[in-house]
Amino acid sequence: MQWVYQPVEVQYPDGSWELGRISGWWTDEKGEVWCRLRTVPGGTPPRWQRYDPESVRLLPSAGI
């Protein structure tokens, strides 16, 4: 497991978007990538879920 601070945008099935953060990455024994995701502000608490690049878009965290 790797702890990180990665800003993201999360897209929901209804097409809406919400800002969030990934605070950890983990790869399981099958090679699937999981992320510890929470939405902000006051959104969902941190939870582990399979990383889906189509619904969780990584945002730049530095150097733009």
C-alpha atoms as a PDB file:
ATOM      1  CA  MET A   1       0.000   0.000   0.000  1.00  0.00           C
ATOM      2  CA  GLN A   2       1.130   3.558  -0.749  1.00  0.00           C
ATOM      3  CA  TRP A   3      -0.192   6.632   1.069  1.00  0.00           C
ATOM      4  CA  VAL A   4      -0.707   9.655  -1.206  1.00  0.00           C
ATOM      5  CA  TYR A   5      -2.529  12.969  -1.461  1.00  0.00           C
ATOM      6  CA  GLN A   6      -4.137  13.010  -4.903  1.00  0.00           C
ATOM      7  CA  PRO A   7      -6.938  15.431  -5.829  1.00  0.00           C
ATOM      8  CA  VAL A   8      -9.608  13.920  -8.097  1.00  0.00           C
ATOM      9  CA  GLU A   9     -12.963  14.567  -9.726  1.00  0.00           C
ATOM     10  CA  VAL A  10     -15.546  11.816  -9.245  1.00  0.00           C
ATOM     11  CA  GLN A  11     -18.305  11.279 -11.815  1.00  0.00           C
ATOM     12  CA  TYR A  12     -21.507   9.610 -10.649  1.00  0.00           C
ATOM     13  CA  PRO A  13     -23.856   7.466 -12.779  1.00  0.00           C
ATOM     14  CA  ASP A  14     -26.296  10.403 -13.078  1.00  0.00           C
ATOM     15  CA  GLY A  15     -23.530  12.447 -14.764  1.00  0.00           C
ATOM     16  CA  SER A  16     -22.850  14.782 -11.832  1.00  0.00           C
ATOM     17  CA  TRP A  17     -19.297  15.509 -10.676  1.00  0.00           C
ATOM     18  CA  GLU A  18     -17.812  16.044  -7.211  1.00  0.00           C
ATOM     19  CA  LEU A  19     -14.310  16.895  -6.022  1.00  0.00           C
ATOM     20  CA  GLY A  20     -12.490  14.379  -3.868  1.00  0.00           C
ATOM     21  CA  ARG A  21      -9.159  13.008  -2.729  1.00  0.00           C
ATOM     22  CA  ILE A  22      -7.360   9.715  -2.952  1.00  0.00           C
ATOM     23  CA  SER A  23      -5.286   9.098   0.156  1.00  0.00           C
ATOM     24  CA  GLY A  24      -3.975   5.628  -0.672  1.00  0.00           C
ATOM     25  CA  TRP A  25      -3.317   3.154  -3.481  1.00  0.00           C
ATOM     26  CA  TRP A  26      -3.295  -0.611  -3.126  1.00  0.00           C
ATOM     27  CA  THR A  27      -2.968  -3.470  -5.621  1.00  0.00           C
ATOM     28  CA  ASP A  28      -4.608  -6.760  -4.670  1.00  0.00           C
ATOM     29  CA  GLU A  29      -3.298 -10.247  -5.380  1.00  0.00           C
ATOM     30  CA  LYS A  30      -5.220 -10.325  -8.693  1.00  0.00           C
ATOM     31  CA  GLY A  31      -3.473  -7.145  -9.861  1.00  0.00           C
ATOM     32  CA  GLU A  32      -6.529  -4.910  -9.490  1.00  0.00           C
ATOM     33  CA  VAL A  33      -5.846  -1.357  -8.318  1.00  0.00           C
ATOM     34  CA  TRP A  34      -7.824   0.029  -5.380  1.00  0.00           C
ATOM     35  CA  CYS A  35      -7.921   3.583  -4.058  1.00  0.00           C
ATOM     36  CA  ARG A  36      -8.937   5.054  -0.714  1.00  0.00           C
ATOM     37  CA  LEU A  37     -11.342   7.759  -1.866  1.00  0.00           C
ATOM     38  CA  ARG A  38     -13.334  10.442  -0.119  1.00  0.00           C
ATOM     39  CA  THR A  39     -15.326  13.344  -1.515  1.00  0.00           C
ATOM     40  CA  VAL A  40     -15.156  16.856  -0.125  1.00  0.00           C
ATOM     41  CA  PRO A  41     -16.428  18.947   1.509  1.00  0.00           C
ATOM     42  CA  GLY A  42     -18.641  16.961   3.848  1.00  0.00           C
ATOM     43  CA  GLY A  43     -19.122  14.216   1.285  1.00  0.00           C
ATOM     44  CA  THR A  44     -18.509  10.523   1.698  1.00  0.00           C
ATOM     45  CA  PRO A  45     -16.043   9.357   4.344  1.00  0.00           C
ATOM     46  CA  PRO A  46     -12.858   7.592   3.160  1.00  0.00           C
ATOM     47  CA  ARG A  47     -13.523   4.145   1.681  1.00  0.00           C
ATOM     48  CA  TRP A  48     -11.603   1.638  -0.417  1.00  0.00           C
ATOM     49  CA  GLN A  49     -12.942   1.044  -3.919  1.00  0.00           C
ATOM     50  CA  ARG A  50     -11.637  -0.351  -7.190  1.00  0.00           C
ATOM     51  CA  TYR A  51     -10.021   2.423  -9.190  1.00  0.00           C
ATOM     52  CA  ASP A  52     -11.979   3.243 -12.340  1.00  0.00           C
ATOM     53  CA  PRO A  53     -10.218   5.919 -14.455  1.00  0.00           C
ATOM     54  CA  GLU A  54     -13.492   6.594 -16.310  1.00  0.00           C
ATOM     55  CA  SER A  55     -15.309   7.753 -13.166  1.00  0.00           C
ATOM     56  CA  VAL A  56     -12.384   8.978 -11.022  1.00  0.00           C
ATOM     57  CA  ARG A  57     -10.269  11.549 -12.865  1.00  0.00           C
ATOM     58  CA  LEU A  58      -6.876  12.402 -11.413  1.00  0.00           C
ATOM     59  CA  LEU A  59      -6.202  16.135 -11.092  1.00  0.00           C
ATOM     60  CA  PRO A  60      -2.772  17.796 -10.980  1.00  0.00           C
ATOM     61  CA  SER A  61      -1.427  18.097  -7.449  1.00  0.00           C
ATOM     62  CA  ALA A  62       1.514  20.385  -8.268  1.00  0.00           C
ATOM     63  CA  GLY A  63       3.333  22.211 -11.026  1.00  0.00           C
ATOM     64  CA  ILE A  64       0.690  23.620 -13.314  1.00  0.00           C
END
